[in-house]
């Protein structure tokens, strides 16, 4: 069956800004020249969509809901969705989760509905996009904030927590050891939590209580220490240094080193050389 051009949703651009095992983040720009419903699109997995600009309408299971910066929706596998654009185009952030990670974050709650996005949740959404330079820790922590807020509003129930397996101090000590040792499991917050046998929520909450700083700041502090050691040894290729230490690029390395030490890498190298 064919559909008139005026009813078809047009995706102008879908840019995947982060792709990691278990989740990905994309910025999607859409447009439509009519208010009619698009053909059905079947959701392949778990997805949370938040609007950065514009508004549109979504129909799923016969229920119609508006989506704009004050509301978001969560789609599950097999959801048959249709869209309409009564006000033109929109820009959205789409966060897709693998089934295993979604169960760890949200449990087995079926059919999560549209959720209200308050100011704090919108800020967390925008912070997710801004944190794309550090997807394994900074962005992962922001995703926890985002998902926790959305699911709590949608279900009026707390997000799942791991059964107690020793006290938090022991869990945090093992996390610190893995980060300092550059263990492959410490490549990101989610794989680290899984390797420790705790939920990402528990690890993210326990770490600042025990250490005084977030996981992201601690991991960056360890990377800055490694950068200082390399700079003291005379490292001149900042691009290579950034890649070796897991920074997005040389600019990301420079910003982080300056934030944590008060000086850029070039000045530090000259200082330590003397």
C-alpha atoms as a PDB file:
ATOM      1  CA  UNK A   1       0.000   0.000   0.000  1.00  0.00           C
ATOM      2  CA  UNK A   2       1.409   3.432  -0.923  1.00  0.00           C
ATOM      3  CA  UNK A   3       1.061   6.603   1.122  1.00  0.00           C
ATOM      4  CA  UNK A   4       0.739  10.150  -0.201  1.00  0.00           C
ATOM      5  CA  UNK A   5       3.936  12.145   0.117  1.00  0.00           C
ATOM      6  CA  UNK A   6       2.219  14.572   2.467  1.00  0.00           C
ATOM      7  CA  UNK A   7       1.730  11.922   5.171  1.00  0.00           C
ATOM      8  CA  UNK A   8       5.275  10.553   5.245  1.00  0.00           C
ATOM      9  CA  UNK A   9       7.576  11.513   8.074  1.00  0.00           C
ATOM     10  CA  UNK A  10      10.896  12.751   6.696  1.00  0.00           C
ATOM     11  CA  UNK A  11      14.092  12.107   8.625  1.00  0.00           C
ATOM     12  CA  UNK A  12      16.435  14.812   7.410  1.00  0.00           C
ATOM     13  CA  UNK A  13      19.385  13.674   9.482  1.00  0.00           C
ATOM     14  CA  UNK A  14      20.162  11.022  12.087  1.00  0.00           C
ATOM     15  CA  UNK A  15      23.653  11.374  13.513  1.00  0.00           C
ATOM     16  CA  UNK A  16      24.920   8.747  15.930  1.00  0.00           C
ATOM     17  CA  UNK A  17      27.095  10.722  18.358  1.00  0.00           C
ATOM     18  CA  UNK A  18      27.933   7.846  20.693  1.00  0.00           C
ATOM     19  CA  UNK A  19      27.936   4.078  20.189  1.00  0.00           C
ATOM     20  CA  UNK A  20      28.940   1.777  23.015  1.00  0.00           C
ATOM     21  CA  UNK A  21      28.092  -1.822  23.906  1.00  0.00           C
ATOM     22  CA  UNK A  22      24.662  -1.599  25.481  1.00  0.00           C
ATOM     23  CA  UNK A  23      23.642   1.876  24.396  1.00  0.00           C
ATOM     24  CA  UNK A  24      23.897   4.531  21.709  1.00  0.00           C
ATOM     25  CA  UNK A  25      22.916   8.187  21.453  1.00  0.00           C
ATOM     26  CA  UNK A  26      21.750   9.842  18.235  1.00  0.00           C
ATOM     27  CA  UNK A  27      20.616  13.338  17.316  1.00  0.00           C
ATOM     28  CA  UNK A  28      17.648  13.110  14.946  1.00  0.00           C
ATOM     29  CA  UNK A  29      16.254  15.943  12.832  1.00  0.00           C
ATOM     30  CA  UNK A  30      12.815  15.380  11.324  1.00  0.00           C
ATOM     31  CA  UNK A  31      10.393  17.333   9.176  1.00  0.00           C
ATOM     32  CA  UNK A  32       6.915  16.801   7.784  1.00  0.00           C
ATOM     33  CA  UNK A  33       4.825  18.896   5.436  1.00  0.00           C
ATOM     34  CA  UNK A  34       1.441  17.699   6.716  1.00  0.00           C
ATOM     35  CA  UNK A  35      -0.351  16.822   9.931  1.00  0.00           C
ATOM     36  CA  UNK A  36      -1.372  13.351   8.700  1.00  0.00           C
ATOM     37  CA  UNK A  37      -0.002  10.210  10.327  1.00  0.00           C
ATOM     38  CA  UNK A  38       3.103   8.519   8.971  1.00  0.00           C
ATOM     39  CA  UNK A  39       3.254   4.840   8.055  1.00  0.00           C
ATOM     40  CA  UNK A  40       3.788   2.538  11.035  1.00  0.00           C
ATOM     41  CA  UNK A  41       7.335   2.209  12.331  1.00  0.00           C
ATOM     42  CA  UNK A  42       7.990  -0.841  14.506  1.00  0.00           C
ATOM     43  CA  UNK A  43      10.417  -0.255  17.360  1.00  0.00           C
ATOM     44  CA  UNK A  44      13.238  -2.782  17.351  1.00  0.00           C
ATOM     45  CA  UNK A  45      14.356  -2.263  20.950  1.00  0.00           C
ATOM     46  CA  UNK A  46      14.264  -0.077  24.039  1.00  0.00           C
ATOM     47  CA  UNK A  47      14.471   3.602  23.222  1.00  0.00           C
ATOM     48  CA  UNK A  48      14.026   6.889  25.061  1.00  0.00           C
ATOM     49  CA  UNK A  49      13.329   9.988  22.955  1.00  0.00           C
ATOM     50  CA  UNK A  50      13.583  13.544  24.243  1.00  0.00           C
ATOM     51  CA  UNK A  51      12.789  16.662  22.240  1.00  0.00           C
ATOM     52  CA  UNK A  52      15.331  19.449  22.051  1.00  0.00           C
ATOM     53  CA  UNK A  53      13.382  21.689  19.683  1.00  0.00           C
ATOM     54  CA  UNK A  54       9.918  21.676  18.079  1.00  0.00           C
ATOM     55  CA  UNK A  55       7.013  19.350  18.761  1.00  0.00           C
ATOM     56  CA  UNK A  56       5.195  16.419  17.170  1.00  0.00           C
ATOM     57  CA  UNK A  57       2.542  13.807  17.938  1.00  0.00           C
ATOM     58  CA  UNK A  58       3.014  10.079  18.466  1.00  0.00           C
ATOM     59  CA  UNK A  59       0.443   7.292  18.300  1.00  0.00           C
ATOM     60  CA  UNK A  60       1.149   3.888  19.824  1.00  0.00           C
ATOM     61  CA  UNK A  61      -1.365   1.204  20.858  1.00  0.00           C
ATOM     62  CA  UNK A  62      -4.131   3.620  19.860  1.00  0.00           C
ATOM     63  CA  UNK A  63      -2.960   6.278  22.339  1.00  0.00           C
ATOM     64  CA  UNK A  64      -1.982   9.702  21.007  1.00  0.00           C
ATOM     65  CA  UNK A  65       0.482  11.869  22.923  1.00  0.00           C
ATOM     66  CA  UNK A  66       2.262  15.137  22.243  1.00  0.00           C
ATOM     67  CA  UNK A  67       6.049  15.277  22.410  1.00  0.00           C
ATOM     68  CA  UNK A  68       7.896  18.543  23.027  1.00  0.00           C
ATOM     69  CA  UNK A  69      10.737  19.681  25.337  1.00  0.00           C
ATOM     70  CA  UNK A  70       8.424  19.223  28.345  1.00  0.00           C
ATOM     71  CA  UNK A  71       7.642  15.592  27.577  1.00  0.00           C
ATOM     72  CA  UNK A  72       9.480  12.462  26.495  1.00  0.00           C
ATOM     73  CA  UNK A  73       8.515   8.928  25.624  1.00  0.00           C
ATOM     74  CA  UNK A  74       9.943   5.453  26.038  1.00  0.00           C
ATOM     75  CA  UNK A  75       9.450   2.826  23.354  1.00  0.00           C
ATOM     76  CA  UNK A  76       9.757  -0.921  23.768  1.00  0.00           C
ATOM     77  CA  UNK A  77      10.435  -3.758  21.320  1.00  0.00           C
ATOM     78  CA  UNK A  78       7.518  -4.293  18.984  1.00  0.00           C
ATOM     79  CA  UNK A  79       5.820  -0.965  19.645  1.00  0.00           C
ATOM     80  CA  UNK A  80       4.071   0.133  16.449  1.00  0.00           C
ATOM     81  CA  UNK A  81       4.491   3.913  16.228  1.00  0.00           C
ATOM     82  CA  UNK A  82       3.049   6.566  13.937  1.00  0.00           C
ATOM     83  CA  UNK A  83       4.007  10.237  13.914  1.00  0.00           C
ATOM     84  CA  UNK A  84       2.425  13.521  12.873  1.00  0.00           C
ATOM     85  CA  UNK A  85       3.944  17.001  12.703  1.00  0.00           C
ATOM     86  CA  UNK A  86       1.326  19.713  13.174  1.00  0.00           C
ATOM     87  CA  UNK A  87       4.025  22.351  13.747  1.00  0.00           C
ATOM     88  CA  UNK A  88       6.765  21.422  11.251  1.00  0.00           C
ATOM     89  CA  UNK A  89      10.109  19.860  12.083  1.00  0.00           C
ATOM     90  CA  UNK A  90      11.839  18.916  15.292  1.00  0.00           C
ATOM     91  CA  UNK A  91      15.213  17.968  16.745  1.00  0.00           C
ATOM     92  CA  UNK A  92      15.350  15.046  19.180  1.00  0.00           C
ATOM     93  CA  UNK A  93      17.824  13.007  21.143  1.00  0.00           C
ATOM     94  CA  UNK A  94      17.253   9.276  20.803  1.00  0.00           C
ATOM     95  CA  UNK A  95      18.924   6.990  23.351  1.00  0.00           C
ATOM     96  CA  UNK A  96      18.780   3.299  22.471  1.00  0.00           C
ATOM     97  CA  UNK A  97      19.526   0.591  25.025  1.00  0.00           C
ATOM     98  CA  UNK A  98      20.384  -3.061  24.640  1.00  0.00           C
ATOM     99  CA  UNK A  99      17.961  -5.416  26.381  1.00  0.00           C
ATOM    100  CA  UNK A 100      20.474  -6.487  29.032  1.00  0.00           C
ATOM    101  CA  UNK A 101      21.434  -2.961  30.076  1.00  0.00           C
ATOM    102  CA  UNK A 102      17.792  -1.811  29.985  1.00  0.00           C
ATOM    103  CA  UNK A 103      16.802  -4.566  32.438  1.00  0.00           C
ATOM    104  CA  UNK A 104      19.586  -3.464  34.775  1.00  0.00           C
ATOM    105  CA  UNK A 105      18.421   0.138  34.588  1.00  0.00           C
ATOM    106  CA  UNK A 106      14.657  -0.226  34.443  1.00  0.00           C
ATOM    107  CA  UNK A 107      13.787  -3.755  35.505  1.00  0.00           C
ATOM    108  CA  UNK A 108      11.031  -5.555  33.621  1.00  0.00           C
ATOM    109  CA  UNK A 109       8.428  -2.792  33.545  1.00  0.00           C
ATOM    110  CA  UNK A 110       6.432  -3.180  30.298  1.00  0.00           C
ATOM    111  CA  UNK A 111       4.980  -0.342  28.295  1.00  0.00           C
ATOM    112  CA  UNK A 112       6.491   2.688  29.981  1.00  0.00           C
ATOM    113  CA  UNK A 113       4.358   5.705  29.019  1.00  0.00           C
ATOM    114  CA  UNK A 114       5.062   9.273  28.069  1.00  0.00           C
ATOM    115  CA  UNK A 115       6.739  11.133  30.926  1.00  0.00           C
ATOM    116  CA  UNK A 116       6.779  14.766  32.003  1.00  0.00           C
ATOM    117  CA  UNK A 117      10.183  16.445  31.610  1.00  0.00           C
ATOM    118  CA  UNK A 118      10.766  18.990  34.352  1.00  0.00           C
ATOM    119  CA  UNK A 119      13.566  21.554  34.303  1.00  0.00           C
ATOM    120  CA  UNK A 120      16.059  19.264  36.002  1.00  0.00           C
ATOM    121  CA  UNK A 121      15.349  16.441  33.565  1.00  0.00           C
ATOM    122  CA  UNK A 122      15.708  18.745  30.553  1.00  0.00           C
ATOM    123  CA  UNK A 123      19.055  19.952  31.898  1.00  0.00           C
ATOM    124  CA  UNK A 124      20.152  16.325  32.306  1.00  0.00           C
ATOM    125  CA  UNK A 125      19.058  15.676  28.712  1.00  0.00           C
ATOM    126  CA  UNK A 126      21.120  18.557  27.369  1.00  0.00           C
ATOM    127  CA  UNK A 127      24.039  17.498  29.547  1.00  0.00           C
ATOM    128  CA  UNK A 128      23.902  14.044  27.939  1.00  0.00           C
ATOM    129  CA  UNK A 129      24.494  15.593  24.528  1.00  0.00           C
ATOM    130  CA  UNK A 130      27.227  17.874  25.908  1.00  0.00           C
ATOM    131  CA  UNK A 131      28.955  14.890  27.571  1.00  0.00           C
ATOM    132  CA  UNK A 132      29.445  13.001  24.307  1.00  0.00           C
ATOM    133  CA  UNK A 133      33.191  13.709  24.425  1.00  0.00           C
ATOM    134  CA  UNK A 134      33.441  11.305  27.392  1.00  0.00           C
ATOM    135  CA  UNK A 135      30.863   8.601  26.642  1.00  0.00           C
ATOM    136  CA  UNK A 136      32.121   5.895  28.988  1.00  0.00           C
ATOM    137  CA  UNK A 137      31.895   7.819  32.248  1.00  0.00           C
ATOM    138  CA  UNK A 138      30.561  11.403  32.054  1.00  0.00           C
ATOM    139  CA  UNK A 139      27.841  10.508  29.568  1.00  0.00           C
ATOM    140  CA  UNK A 140      27.078   7.224  31.321  1.00  0.00           C
ATOM    141  CA  UNK A 141      26.517   9.023  34.625  1.00  0.00           C
ATOM    142  CA  UNK A 142      24.256  11.549  32.929  1.00  0.00           C
ATOM    143  CA  UNK A 143      22.303   8.709  31.321  1.00  0.00           C
ATOM    144  CA  UNK A 144      21.714   7.249  34.776  1.00  0.00           C
ATOM    145  CA  UNK A 145      20.304  10.577  35.940  1.00  0.00           C
ATOM    146  CA  UNK A 146      18.143  10.817  32.855  1.00  0.00           C
ATOM    147  CA  UNK A 147      16.797   7.266  32.955  1.00  0.00           C
ATOM    148  CA  UNK A 148      16.223   7.319  36.713  1.00  0.00           C
ATOM    149  CA  UNK A 149      14.230  10.529  36.458  1.00  0.00           C
ATOM    150  CA  UNK A 150      12.163   9.339  33.514  1.00  0.00           C
ATOM    151  CA  UNK A 151      11.390   5.890  34.900  1.00  0.00           C
ATOM    152  CA  UNK A 152      10.577   7.149  38.391  1.00  0.00           C
ATOM    153  CA  UNK A 153       8.095   9.623  36.927  1.00  0.00           C
ATOM    154  CA  UNK A 154       6.620   7.001  34.625  1.00  0.00           C
ATOM    155  CA  UNK A 155       6.136   4.279  37.240  1.00  0.00           C
ATOM    156  CA  UNK A 156       6.086   6.108  40.568  1.00  0.00           C
ATOM    157  CA  UNK A 157       8.487   3.430  41.737  1.00  0.00           C
ATOM    158  CA  UNK A 158      12.218   3.417  42.482  1.00  0.00           C
ATOM    159  CA  UNK A 159      14.677   2.175  39.896  1.00  0.00           C
ATOM    160  CA  UNK A 160      16.123  -1.278  40.586  1.00  0.00           C
ATOM    161  CA  UNK A 161      19.009  -1.753  42.970  1.00  0.00           C
ATOM    162  CA  UNK A 162      21.410  -4.652  43.328  1.00  0.00           C
ATOM    163  CA  UNK A 163      21.117  -7.056  46.238  1.00  0.00           C
ATOM    164  CA  UNK A 164      23.616  -6.191  48.930  1.00  0.00           C
ATOM    165  CA  UNK A 165      26.966  -7.870  48.233  1.00  0.00           C
ATOM    166  CA  UNK A 166      29.193  -6.496  50.923  1.00  0.00           C
ATOM    167  CA  UNK A 167      29.195  -2.874  51.951  1.00  0.00           C
ATOM    168  CA  UNK A 168      29.628   0.030  49.586  1.00  0.00           C
ATOM    169  CA  UNK A 169      33.132   0.715  50.844  1.00  0.00           C
ATOM    170  CA  UNK A 170      34.325  -2.637  49.520  1.00  0.00           C
ATOM    171  CA  UNK A 171      32.549  -2.091  46.187  1.00  0.00           C
ATOM    172  CA  UNK A 172      34.103   1.355  45.778  1.00  0.00           C
ATOM    173  CA  UNK A 173      37.543   0.046  46.721  1.00  0.00           C
ATOM    174  CA  UNK A 174      37.312  -2.574  43.982  1.00  0.00           C
ATOM    175  CA  UNK A 175      36.120   0.071  41.515  1.00  0.00           C
ATOM    176  CA  UNK A 176      39.079   2.317  42.334  1.00  0.00           C
ATOM    177  CA  UNK A 177      41.468  -0.604  41.978  1.00  0.00           C
ATOM    178  CA  UNK A 178      40.064  -1.442  38.541  1.00  0.00           C
ATOM    179  CA  UNK A 179      40.336   2.169  37.344  1.00  0.00           C
ATOM    180  CA  UNK A 180      43.888   2.661  38.627  1.00  0.00           C
ATOM    181  CA  UNK A 181      44.971  -0.696  37.164  1.00  0.00           C
ATOM    182  CA  UNK A 182      43.389   0.245  33.808  1.00  0.00           C
ATOM    183  CA  UNK A 183      41.393  -2.974  33.931  1.00  0.00           C
ATOM    184  CA  UNK A 184      39.412  -3.535  30.703  1.00  0.00           C
ATOM    185  CA  UNK A 185      36.260  -3.754  32.833  1.00  0.00           C
ATOM    186  CA  UNK A 186      36.835  -0.122  33.828  1.00  0.00           C
ATOM    187  CA  UNK A 187      36.376   1.057  30.234  1.00  0.00           C
ATOM    188  CA  UNK A 188      33.032   2.543  31.260  1.00  0.00           C
ATOM    189  CA  UNK A 189      30.625   2.895  34.163  1.00  0.00           C
ATOM    190  CA  UNK A 190      28.207   0.238  32.900  1.00  0.00           C
ATOM    191  CA  UNK A 191      30.760  -2.538  32.258  1.00  0.00           C
ATOM    192  CA  UNK A 192      32.497  -1.680  35.543  1.00  0.00           C
ATOM    193  CA  UNK A 193      29.250  -2.040  37.507  1.00  0.00           C
ATOM    194  CA  UNK A 194      28.522  -5.353  35.801  1.00  0.00           C
ATOM    195  CA  UNK A 195      32.021  -6.644  36.566  1.00  0.00           C
ATOM    196  CA  UNK A 196      31.546  -5.687  40.233  1.00  0.00           C
ATOM    197  CA  UNK A 197      28.141  -7.374  40.368  1.00  0.00           C
ATOM    198  CA  UNK A 198      26.225  -4.235  41.370  1.00  0.00           C
ATOM    199  CA  UNK A 199      23.749  -1.985  39.637  1.00  0.00           C
ATOM    200  CA  UNK A 200      25.087   1.153  37.916  1.00  0.00           C
ATOM    201  CA  UNK A 201      22.876   3.199  40.232  1.00  0.00           C
ATOM    202  CA  UNK A 202      24.442   1.772  43.362  1.00  0.00           C
ATOM    203  CA  UNK A 203      27.989   2.266  42.105  1.00  0.00           C
ATOM    204  CA  UNK A 204      27.295   5.811  40.924  1.00  0.00           C
ATOM    205  CA  UNK A 205      25.737   6.777  44.278  1.00  0.00           C
ATOM    206  CA  UNK A 206      28.222   4.975  46.514  1.00  0.00           C
ATOM    207  CA  UNK A 207      31.376   6.305  44.876  1.00  0.00           C
ATOM    208  CA  UNK A 208      31.035  10.003  45.799  1.00  0.00           C
ATOM    209  CA  UNK A 209      29.903   9.071  49.316  1.00  0.00           C
ATOM    210  CA  UNK A 210      33.066   7.065  49.899  1.00  0.00           C
ATOM    211  CA  UNK A 211      35.612   9.034  47.849  1.00  0.00           C
ATOM    212  CA  UNK A 212      34.201  12.560  47.826  1.00  0.00           C
ATOM    213  CA  UNK A 213      34.098  12.904  44.043  1.00  0.00           C
ATOM    214  CA  UNK A 214      32.069  11.278  41.284  1.00  0.00           C
ATOM    215  CA  UNK A 215      33.302   8.308  39.281  1.00  0.00           C
ATOM    216  CA  UNK A 216      33.840  10.607  36.307  1.00  0.00           C
ATOM    217  CA  UNK A 217      36.037  13.016  38.237  1.00  0.00           C
ATOM    218  CA  UNK A 218      38.017  10.192  39.821  1.00  0.00           C
ATOM    219  CA  UNK A 219      38.617   8.507  36.490  1.00  0.00           C
ATOM    220  CA  UNK A 220      39.687  11.834  34.973  1.00  0.00           C
ATOM    221  CA  UNK A 221      42.000  12.444  37.938  1.00  0.00           C
ATOM    222  CA  UNK A 222      43.717   9.113  37.247  1.00  0.00           C
ATOM    223  CA  UNK A 223      44.054   9.977  33.550  1.00  0.00           C
ATOM    224  CA  UNK A 224      45.514  13.387  34.369  1.00  0.00           C
ATOM    225  CA  UNK A 225      48.093  11.714  36.613  1.00  0.00           C
ATOM    226  CA  UNK A 226      49.115   9.481  33.717  1.00  0.00           C
ATOM    227  CA  UNK A 227      49.294  12.519  31.445  1.00  0.00           C
ATOM    228  CA  UNK A 228      51.603  14.305  33.894  1.00  0.00           C
ATOM    229  CA  UNK A 229      53.898  11.297  33.986  1.00  0.00           C
ATOM    230  CA  UNK A 230      54.088  11.188  30.183  1.00  0.00           C
ATOM    231  CA  UNK A 231      54.636  14.955  29.940  1.00  0.00           C
ATOM    232  CA  UNK A 232      57.412  14.784  32.511  1.00  0.00           C
ATOM    233  CA  UNK A 233      59.048  12.102  30.393  1.00  0.00           C
ATOM    234  CA  UNK A 234      59.008  14.549  27.462  1.00  0.00           C
ATOM    235  CA  UNK A 235      55.924  13.470  25.492  1.00  0.00           C
ATOM    236  CA  UNK A 236      55.392  16.013  22.711  1.00  0.00           C
ATOM    237  CA  UNK A 237      52.660  14.444  20.598  1.00  0.00           C
ATOM    238  CA  UNK A 238      49.537  15.546  22.445  1.00  0.00           C
ATOM    239  CA  UNK A 239      47.266  13.866  19.915  1.00  0.00           C
ATOM    240  CA  UNK A 240      48.957  10.525  20.579  1.00  0.00           C
ATOM    241  CA  UNK A 241      48.809  11.128  24.317  1.00  0.00           C
ATOM    242  CA  UNK A 242      45.087  11.920  24.123  1.00  0.00           C
ATOM    243  CA  UNK A 243      44.389   8.731  22.158  1.00  0.00           C
ATOM    244  CA  UNK A 244      46.486   6.574  24.488  1.00  0.00           C
ATOM    245  CA  UNK A 245      44.649   7.878  27.562  1.00  0.00           C
ATOM    246  CA  UNK A 246      41.182   7.557  26.071  1.00  0.00           C
ATOM    247  CA  UNK A 247      40.329  11.227  25.525  1.00  0.00           C
ATOM    248  CA  UNK A 248      38.093  12.182  22.617  1.00  0.00           C
ATOM    249  CA  UNK A 249      40.827  14.319  21.051  1.00  0.00           C
ATOM    250  CA  UNK A 250      43.705  16.661  21.863  1.00  0.00           C
ATOM    251  CA  UNK A 251      41.338  19.494  22.786  1.00  0.00           C
ATOM    252  CA  UNK A 252      39.542  17.248  25.283  1.00  0.00           C
ATOM    253  CA  UNK A 253      42.880  16.298  26.849  1.00  0.00           C
ATOM    254  CA  UNK A 254      43.938  19.950  27.075  1.00  0.00           C
ATOM    255  CA  UNK A 255      40.662  21.069  28.680  1.00  0.00           C
ATOM    256  CA  UNK A 256      40.753  18.284  31.250  1.00  0.00           C
ATOM    257  CA  UNK A 257      44.395  18.779  32.184  1.00  0.00           C
ATOM    258  CA  UNK A 258      43.865  22.530  32.521  1.00  0.00           C
ATOM    259  CA  UNK A 259      40.763  22.004  34.676  1.00  0.00           C
ATOM    260  CA  UNK A 260      42.530  19.634  37.053  1.00  0.00           C
ATOM    261  CA  UNK A 261      45.956  21.306  37.243  1.00  0.00           C
ATOM    262  CA  UNK A 262      45.393  24.921  36.267  1.00  0.00           C
ATOM    263  CA  UNK A 263      47.830  24.719  33.332  1.00  0.00           C
ATOM    264  CA  UNK A 264      47.721  23.322  29.774  1.00  0.00           C
ATOM    265  CA  UNK A 265      49.867  20.311  28.789  1.00  0.00           C
ATOM    266  CA  UNK A 266      52.449  22.384  26.892  1.00  0.00           C
ATOM    267  CA  UNK A 267      53.154  24.608  29.897  1.00  0.00           C
ATOM    268  CA  UNK A 268      53.321  21.570  32.176  1.00  0.00           C
ATOM    269  CA  UNK A 269      55.841  19.869  29.908  1.00  0.00           C
ATOM    270  CA  UNK A 270      58.064  22.956  29.959  1.00  0.00           C
ATOM    271  CA  UNK A 271      57.724  23.279  33.727  1.00  0.00           C
ATOM    272  CA  UNK A 272      58.586  19.659  34.440  1.00  0.00           C
ATOM    273  CA  UNK A 273      61.465  19.707  31.962  1.00  0.00           C
ATOM    274  CA  UNK A 274      63.126  22.390  34.072  1.00  0.00           C
END
